[in-house]
Amino acid sequence: GRFTYVNFAGARALGFEQNYFLGK
């Protein structure tokens, strides 16, 4: 149930860098 990928546009729209989501 951990994030292994979030695209650049999605991460930016939520106000984060892509790597912020990884493993969470």
PDB file of all heavy atoms in Angstrom:
ATOM      1  N   GLY A   1       0.786  -1.222   0.000  1.00  0.00           N
ATOM      2  CA  GLY A   1       0.000   0.000   0.000  1.00  0.00           C
ATOM      3  C   GLY A   1       0.822   1.279   0.000  1.00  0.00           C
ATOM      4  O   GLY A   1       0.354   2.318   0.440  1.00  0.00           O
ATOM      5  N   ARG A   2       2.058   1.193  -0.494  1.00  0.00           N
ATOM      6  CA  ARG A   2       2.920   2.370  -0.519  1.00  0.00           C
ATOM      7  C   ARG A   2       3.035   2.908  -1.938  1.00  0.00           C
ATOM      8  O   ARG A   2       3.018   2.163  -2.897  1.00  0.00           O
ATOM      9  CB  ARG A   2       4.303   2.017   0.017  1.00  0.00           C
ATOM     10  CG  ARG A   2       4.242   1.552   1.459  1.00  0.00           C
ATOM     11  CD  ARG A   2       5.629   1.388   2.060  1.00  0.00           C
ATOM     12  NE  ARG A   2       5.533   0.909   3.413  1.00  0.00           N
ATOM     13  CZ  ARG A   2       5.271   1.675   4.472  1.00  0.00           C
ATOM     14  NH1 ARG A   2       5.072   2.960   4.310  1.00  0.00           N
ATOM     15  NH2 ARG A   2       5.203   1.169   5.674  1.00  0.00           N
ATOM     16  N   PHE A   3       3.151   4.212  -2.038  1.00  0.00           N
ATOM     17  CA  PHE A   3       3.325   4.845  -3.338  1.00  0.00           C
ATOM     18  C   PHE A   3       4.700   4.510  -3.889  1.00  0.00           C
ATOM     19  O   PHE A   3       5.703   4.642  -3.199  1.00  0.00           O
ATOM     20  CB  PHE A   3       3.193   6.372  -3.227  1.00  0.00           C
ATOM     21  CG  PHE A   3       1.787   6.833  -2.995  1.00  0.00           C
ATOM     22  CD1 PHE A   3       1.308   7.004  -1.708  1.00  0.00           C
ATOM     23  CD2 PHE A   3       0.948   7.094  -4.061  1.00  0.00           C
ATOM     24  CE1 PHE A   3       0.013   7.437  -1.489  1.00  0.00           C
ATOM     25  CE2 PHE A   3      -0.353   7.526  -3.855  1.00  0.00           C
ATOM     26  CZ  PHE A   3      -0.814   7.698  -2.552  1.00  0.00           C
ATOM     27  N   THR A   4       4.732   4.072  -5.135  1.00  0.00           N
ATOM     28  CA  THR A   4       6.004   3.806  -5.811  1.00  0.00           C
ATOM     29  C   THR A   4       6.241   4.783  -6.947  1.00  0.00           C
ATOM     30  O   THR A   4       7.338   4.875  -7.476  1.00  0.00           O
ATOM     31  CB  THR A   4       6.062   2.369  -6.369  1.00  0.00           C
ATOM     32  OG1 THR A   4       4.970   2.185  -7.280  1.00  0.00           O
ATOM     33  CG2 THR A   4       6.007   1.349  -5.247  1.00  0.00           C
ATOM     34  N   TYR A   5       5.195   5.526  -7.320  1.00  0.00           N
ATOM     35  CA  TYR A   5       5.339   6.517  -8.383  1.00  0.00           C
ATOM     36  C   TYR A   5       4.203   7.523  -8.291  1.00  0.00           C
ATOM     37  O   TYR A   5       3.048   7.143  -8.051  1.00  0.00           O
ATOM     38  CB  TYR A   5       5.305   5.853  -9.761  1.00  0.00           C
ATOM     39  CG  TYR A   5       5.352   6.867 -10.891  1.00  0.00           C
ATOM     40  CD1 TYR A   5       6.556   7.462 -11.263  1.00  0.00           C
ATOM     41  CD2 TYR A   5       4.202   7.249 -11.556  1.00  0.00           C
ATOM     42  CE1 TYR A   5       6.604   8.403 -12.273  1.00  0.00           C
ATOM     43  CE2 TYR A   5       4.243   8.186 -12.575  1.00  0.00           C
ATOM     44  CZ  TYR A   5       5.444   8.763 -12.925  1.00  0.00           C
ATOM     45  OH  TYR A   5       5.487   9.702 -13.917  1.00  0.00           O
ATOM     46  N   VAL A   6       4.515   8.771  -8.457  1.00  0.00           N
ATOM     47  CA  VAL A   6       3.538   9.849  -8.617  1.00  0.00           C
ATOM     48  C   VAL A   6       4.078  10.733  -9.722  1.00  0.00           C
ATOM     49  O   VAL A   6       5.249  11.118  -9.686  1.00  0.00           O
ATOM     50  CB  VAL A   6       3.368  10.664  -7.309  1.00  0.00           C
ATOM     51  CG1 VAL A   6       2.486  11.868  -7.542  1.00  0.00           C
ATOM     52  CG2 VAL A   6       2.796   9.794  -6.201  1.00  0.00           C
ATOM     53  N   ASN A   7       3.248  11.037 -10.720  1.00  0.00           N
ATOM     54  CA  ASN A   7       3.776  11.833 -11.827  1.00  0.00           C
ATOM     55  C   ASN A   7       4.048  13.275 -11.396  1.00  0.00           C
ATOM     56  O   ASN A   7       3.517  13.754 -10.389  1.00  0.00           O
ATOM     57  CB  ASN A   7       2.892  11.744 -13.077  1.00  0.00           C
ATOM     58  CG  ASN A   7       1.577  12.480 -12.939  1.00  0.00           C
ATOM     59  OD1 ASN A   7       1.469  13.511 -12.304  1.00  0.00           O
ATOM     60  ND2 ASN A   7       0.550  11.930 -13.567  1.00  0.00           N
ATOM     61  N   PHE A   8       4.886  13.936 -12.163  1.00  0.00           N
ATOM     62  CA  PHE A   8       5.338  15.284 -11.840  1.00  0.00           C
ATOM     63  C   PHE A   8       4.167  16.255 -11.683  1.00  0.00           C
ATOM     64  O   PHE A   8       4.100  17.008 -10.711  1.00  0.00           O
ATOM     65  CB  PHE A   8       6.307  15.793 -12.918  1.00  0.00           C
ATOM     66  CG  PHE A   8       6.738  17.208 -12.711  1.00  0.00           C
ATOM     67  CD1 PHE A   8       7.716  17.517 -11.775  1.00  0.00           C
ATOM     68  CD2 PHE A   8       6.158  18.229 -13.447  1.00  0.00           C
ATOM     69  CE1 PHE A   8       8.101  18.838 -11.576  1.00  0.00           C
ATOM     70  CE2 PHE A   8       6.539  19.546 -13.252  1.00  0.00           C
ATOM     71  CZ  PHE A   8       7.512  19.853 -12.310  1.00  0.00           C
ATOM     72  N   ALA A   9       3.237  16.220 -12.637  1.00  0.00           N
ATOM     73  CA  ALA A   9       2.116  17.158 -12.602  1.00  0.00           C
ATOM     74  C   ALA A   9       1.232  16.938 -11.372  1.00  0.00           C
ATOM     75  O   ALA A   9       0.794  17.893 -10.737  1.00  0.00           O
ATOM     76  CB  ALA A   9       1.290  17.036 -13.884  1.00  0.00           C
ATOM     77  N   GLY A  10       0.981  15.676 -11.041  1.00  0.00           N
ATOM     78  CA  GLY A  10       0.167  15.378  -9.865  1.00  0.00           C
ATOM     79  C   GLY A  10       0.814  15.838  -8.579  1.00  0.00           C
ATOM     80  O   GLY A  10       0.167  16.429  -7.713  1.00  0.00           O
ATOM     81  N   ALA A  11       2.096  15.566  -8.443  1.00  0.00           N
ATOM     82  CA  ALA A  11       2.822  15.989  -7.240  1.00  0.00           C
ATOM     83  C   ALA A  11       2.835  17.506  -7.134  1.00  0.00           C
ATOM     84  O   ALA A  11       2.574  18.073  -6.066  1.00  0.00           O
ATOM     85  CB  ALA A  11       4.250  15.442  -7.271  1.00  0.00           C
ATOM     86  N   ARG A  12       3.105  18.169  -8.238  1.00  0.00           N
ATOM     87  CA  ARG A  12       3.167  19.637  -8.240  1.00  0.00           C
ATOM     88  C   ARG A  12       1.804  20.247  -7.924  1.00  0.00           C
ATOM     89  O   ARG A  12       1.713  21.237  -7.193  1.00  0.00           O
ATOM     90  CB  ARG A  12       3.685  20.134  -9.575  1.00  0.00           C
ATOM     91  CG  ARG A  12       3.942  21.606  -9.583  1.00  0.00           C
ATOM     92  CD  ARG A  12       4.721  21.989 -10.828  1.00  0.00           C
ATOM     93  NE  ARG A  12       4.992  23.391 -10.820  1.00  0.00           N
ATOM     94  CZ  ARG A  12       6.173  23.923 -10.552  1.00  0.00           C
ATOM     95  NH1 ARG A  12       7.190  23.148 -10.296  1.00  0.00           N
ATOM     96  NH2 ARG A  12       6.333  25.220 -10.568  1.00  0.00           N
ATOM     97  N   ALA A  13       0.733  19.656  -8.459  1.00  0.00           N
ATOM     98  CA  ALA A  13      -0.614  20.162  -8.192  1.00  0.00           C
ATOM     99  C   ALA A  13      -0.960  20.090  -6.713  1.00  0.00           C
ATOM    100  O   ALA A  13      -1.686  20.934  -6.193  1.00  0.00           O
ATOM    101  CB  ALA A  13      -1.637  19.380  -9.013  1.00  0.00           C
ATOM    102  N   LEU A  14      -0.411  19.082  -6.040  1.00  0.00           N
ATOM    103  CA  LEU A  14      -0.643  18.935  -4.600  1.00  0.00           C
ATOM    104  C   LEU A  14       0.365  19.719  -3.768  1.00  0.00           C
ATOM    105  O   LEU A  14       0.285  19.742  -2.545  1.00  0.00           O
ATOM    106  CB  LEU A  14      -0.602  17.449  -4.221  1.00  0.00           C
ATOM    107  CG  LEU A  14      -1.737  16.615  -4.806  1.00  0.00           C
ATOM    108  CD1 LEU A  14      -1.475  15.136  -4.583  1.00  0.00           C
ATOM    109  CD2 LEU A  14      -3.076  17.020  -4.214  1.00  0.00           C
ATOM    110  N   GLY A  15       1.340  20.342  -4.439  1.00  0.00           N
ATOM    111  CA  GLY A  15       2.303  21.190  -3.738  1.00  0.00           C
ATOM    112  C   GLY A  15       3.519  20.460  -3.212  1.00  0.00           C
ATOM    113  O   GLY A  15       4.152  20.930  -2.267  1.00  0.00           O
ATOM    114  N   PHE A  16       3.872  19.314  -3.809  1.00  0.00           N
ATOM    115  CA  PHE A  16       5.001  18.523  -3.337  1.00  0.00           C
ATOM    116  C   PHE A  16       5.937  18.154  -4.488  1.00  0.00           C
ATOM    117  O   PHE A  16       5.547  18.206  -5.644  1.00  0.00           O
ATOM    118  CB  PHE A  16       4.519  17.217  -2.692  1.00  0.00           C
ATOM    119  CG  PHE A  16       3.687  17.427  -1.464  1.00  0.00           C
ATOM    120  CD1 PHE A  16       2.305  17.359  -1.530  1.00  0.00           C
ATOM    121  CD2 PHE A  16       4.283  17.690  -0.246  1.00  0.00           C
ATOM    122  CE1 PHE A  16       1.537  17.554  -0.407  1.00  0.00           C
ATOM    123  CE2 PHE A  16       3.517  17.885   0.893  1.00  0.00           C
ATOM    124  CZ  PHE A  16       2.135  17.820   0.814  1.00  0.00           C
ATOM    125  N   GLU A  17       7.136  17.743  -4.143  1.00  0.00           N
ATOM    126  CA  GLU A  17       8.049  17.141  -5.099  1.00  0.00           C
ATOM    127  C   GLU A  17       7.630  15.686  -5.280  1.00  0.00           C
ATOM    128  O   GLU A  17       7.026  15.087  -4.386  1.00  0.00           O
ATOM    129  CB  GLU A  17       9.492  17.191  -4.574  1.00  0.00           C
ATOM    130  CG  GLU A  17      10.027  18.591  -4.368  1.00  0.00           C
ATOM    131  CD  GLU A  17      10.237  19.336  -5.670  1.00  0.00           C
ATOM    132  OE1 GLU A  17      10.588  18.682  -6.669  1.00  0.00           O
ATOM    133  OE2 GLU A  17      10.029  20.557  -5.690  1.00  0.00           O
ATOM    134  N   GLN A  18       7.958  15.099  -6.430  1.00  0.00           N
ATOM    135  CA  GLN A  18       7.582  13.707  -6.684  1.00  0.00           C
ATOM    136  C   GLN A  18       8.094  12.763  -5.604  1.00  0.00           C
ATOM    137  O   GLN A  18       7.372  11.881  -5.143  1.00  0.00           O
ATOM    138  CB  GLN A  18       8.136  13.241  -8.027  1.00  0.00           C
ATOM    139  CG  GLN A  18       7.363  13.726  -9.215  1.00  0.00           C
ATOM    140  CD  GLN A  18       8.008  13.282 -10.502  1.00  0.00           C
ATOM    141  OE1 GLN A  18       9.044  13.811 -10.872  1.00  0.00           O
ATOM    142  NE2 GLN A  18       7.418  12.318 -11.162  1.00  0.00           N
ATOM    143  N   ASN A  19       9.341  12.922  -5.194  1.00  0.00           N
ATOM    144  CA  ASN A  19       9.933  11.970  -4.246  1.00  0.00           C
ATOM    145  C   ASN A  19       9.314  12.044  -2.859  1.00  0.00           C
ATOM    146  O   ASN A  19       9.514  11.149  -2.050  1.00  0.00           O
ATOM    147  CB  ASN A  19      11.447  12.128  -4.191  1.00  0.00           C
ATOM    148  CG  ASN A  19      11.884  13.490  -3.691  1.00  0.00           C
ATOM    149  OD1 ASN A  19      11.064  14.351  -3.380  1.00  0.00           O
ATOM    150  ND2 ASN A  19      13.185  13.699  -3.631  1.00  0.00           N
ATOM    151  N   TYR A  20       8.532  13.084  -2.563  1.00  0.00           N
ATOM    152  CA  TYR A  20       7.869  13.194  -1.262  1.00  0.00           C
ATOM    153  C   TYR A  20       6.947  11.999  -1.018  1.00  0.00           C
ATOM    154  O   TYR A  20       6.812  11.524   0.105  1.00  0.00           O
ATOM    155  CB  TYR A  20       7.076  14.501  -1.177  1.00  0.00           C
ATOM    156  CG  TYR A  20       6.234  14.604   0.064  1.00  0.00           C
ATOM    157  CD1 TYR A  20       6.810  14.953   1.280  1.00  0.00           C
ATOM    158  CD2 TYR A  20       4.868  14.323   0.037  1.00  0.00           C
ATOM    159  CE1 TYR A  20       6.041  15.035   2.432  1.00  0.00           C
ATOM    160  CE2 TYR A  20       4.102  14.400   1.175  1.00  0.00           C
ATOM    161  CZ  TYR A  20       4.696  14.756   2.366  1.00  0.00           C
ATOM    162  OH  TYR A  20       3.934  14.824   3.508  1.00  0.00           O
ATOM    163  N   PHE A  21       6.299  11.504  -2.068  1.00  0.00           N
ATOM    164  CA  PHE A  21       5.305  10.436  -1.951  1.00  0.00           C
ATOM    165  C   PHE A  21       5.902   9.042  -1.853  1.00  0.00           C
ATOM    166  O   PHE A  21       5.270   8.130  -1.323  1.00  0.00           O
ATOM    167  CB  PHE A  21       4.361  10.469  -3.162  1.00  0.00           C
ATOM    168  CG  PHE A  21       3.528  11.706  -3.227  1.00  0.00           C
ATOM    169  CD1 PHE A  21       3.993  12.828  -3.887  1.00  0.00           C
ATOM    170  CD2 PHE A  21       2.286  11.748  -2.632  1.00  0.00           C
ATOM    171  CE1 PHE A  21       3.224  13.986  -3.947  1.00  0.00           C
ATOM    172  CE2 PHE A  21       1.510  12.894  -2.690  1.00  0.00           C
ATOM    173  CZ  PHE A  21       1.987  14.018  -3.346  1.00  0.00           C
ATOM    174  N   LEU A  22       7.087   8.863  -2.393  1.00  0.00           N
ATOM    175  CA  LEU A  22       7.658   7.528  -2.507  1.00  0.00           C
ATOM    176  C   LEU A  22       7.798   6.838  -1.158  1.00  0.00           C
ATOM    177  O   LEU A  22       8.362   7.392  -0.216  1.00  0.00           O
ATOM    178  CB  LEU A  22       9.002   7.588  -3.221  1.00  0.00           C
ATOM    179  CG  LEU A  22       8.956   8.203  -4.615  1.00  0.00           C
ATOM    180  CD1 LEU A  22      10.345   8.155  -5.250  1.00  0.00           C
ATOM    181  CD2 LEU A  22       7.931   7.530  -5.505  1.00  0.00           C
ATOM    182  N   GLY A  23       7.263   5.631  -1.077  1.00  0.00           N
ATOM    183  CA  GLY A  23       7.344   4.839   0.135  1.00  0.00           C
ATOM    184  C   GLY A  23       6.283   5.164   1.170  1.00  0.00           C
ATOM    185  O   GLY A  23       6.166   4.478   2.176  1.00  0.00           O
ATOM    186  N   LYS A  24       5.481   6.193   0.932  1.00  0.00           N
ATOM    187  CA  LYS A  24       4.457   6.590   1.899  1.00  0.00           C
ATOM    188  C   LYS A  24       3.129   5.883   1.593  1.00  0.00           C
ATOM    189  O   LYS A  24       2.870   5.448   0.483  1.00  0.00           O
ATOM    190  CB  LYS A  24       4.260   8.100   1.867  1.00  0.00           C
ATOM    191  CG  LYS A  24       5.426   8.878   2.445  1.00  0.00           C
ATOM    192  CD  LYS A  24       5.101  10.358   2.499  1.00  0.00           C
ATOM    193  CE  LYS A  24       6.103  11.142   3.291  1.00  0.00           C
ATOM    194  NZ  LYS A  24       7.426  11.212   2.778  1.00  0.00           N
TER     195      LYS A  24
END
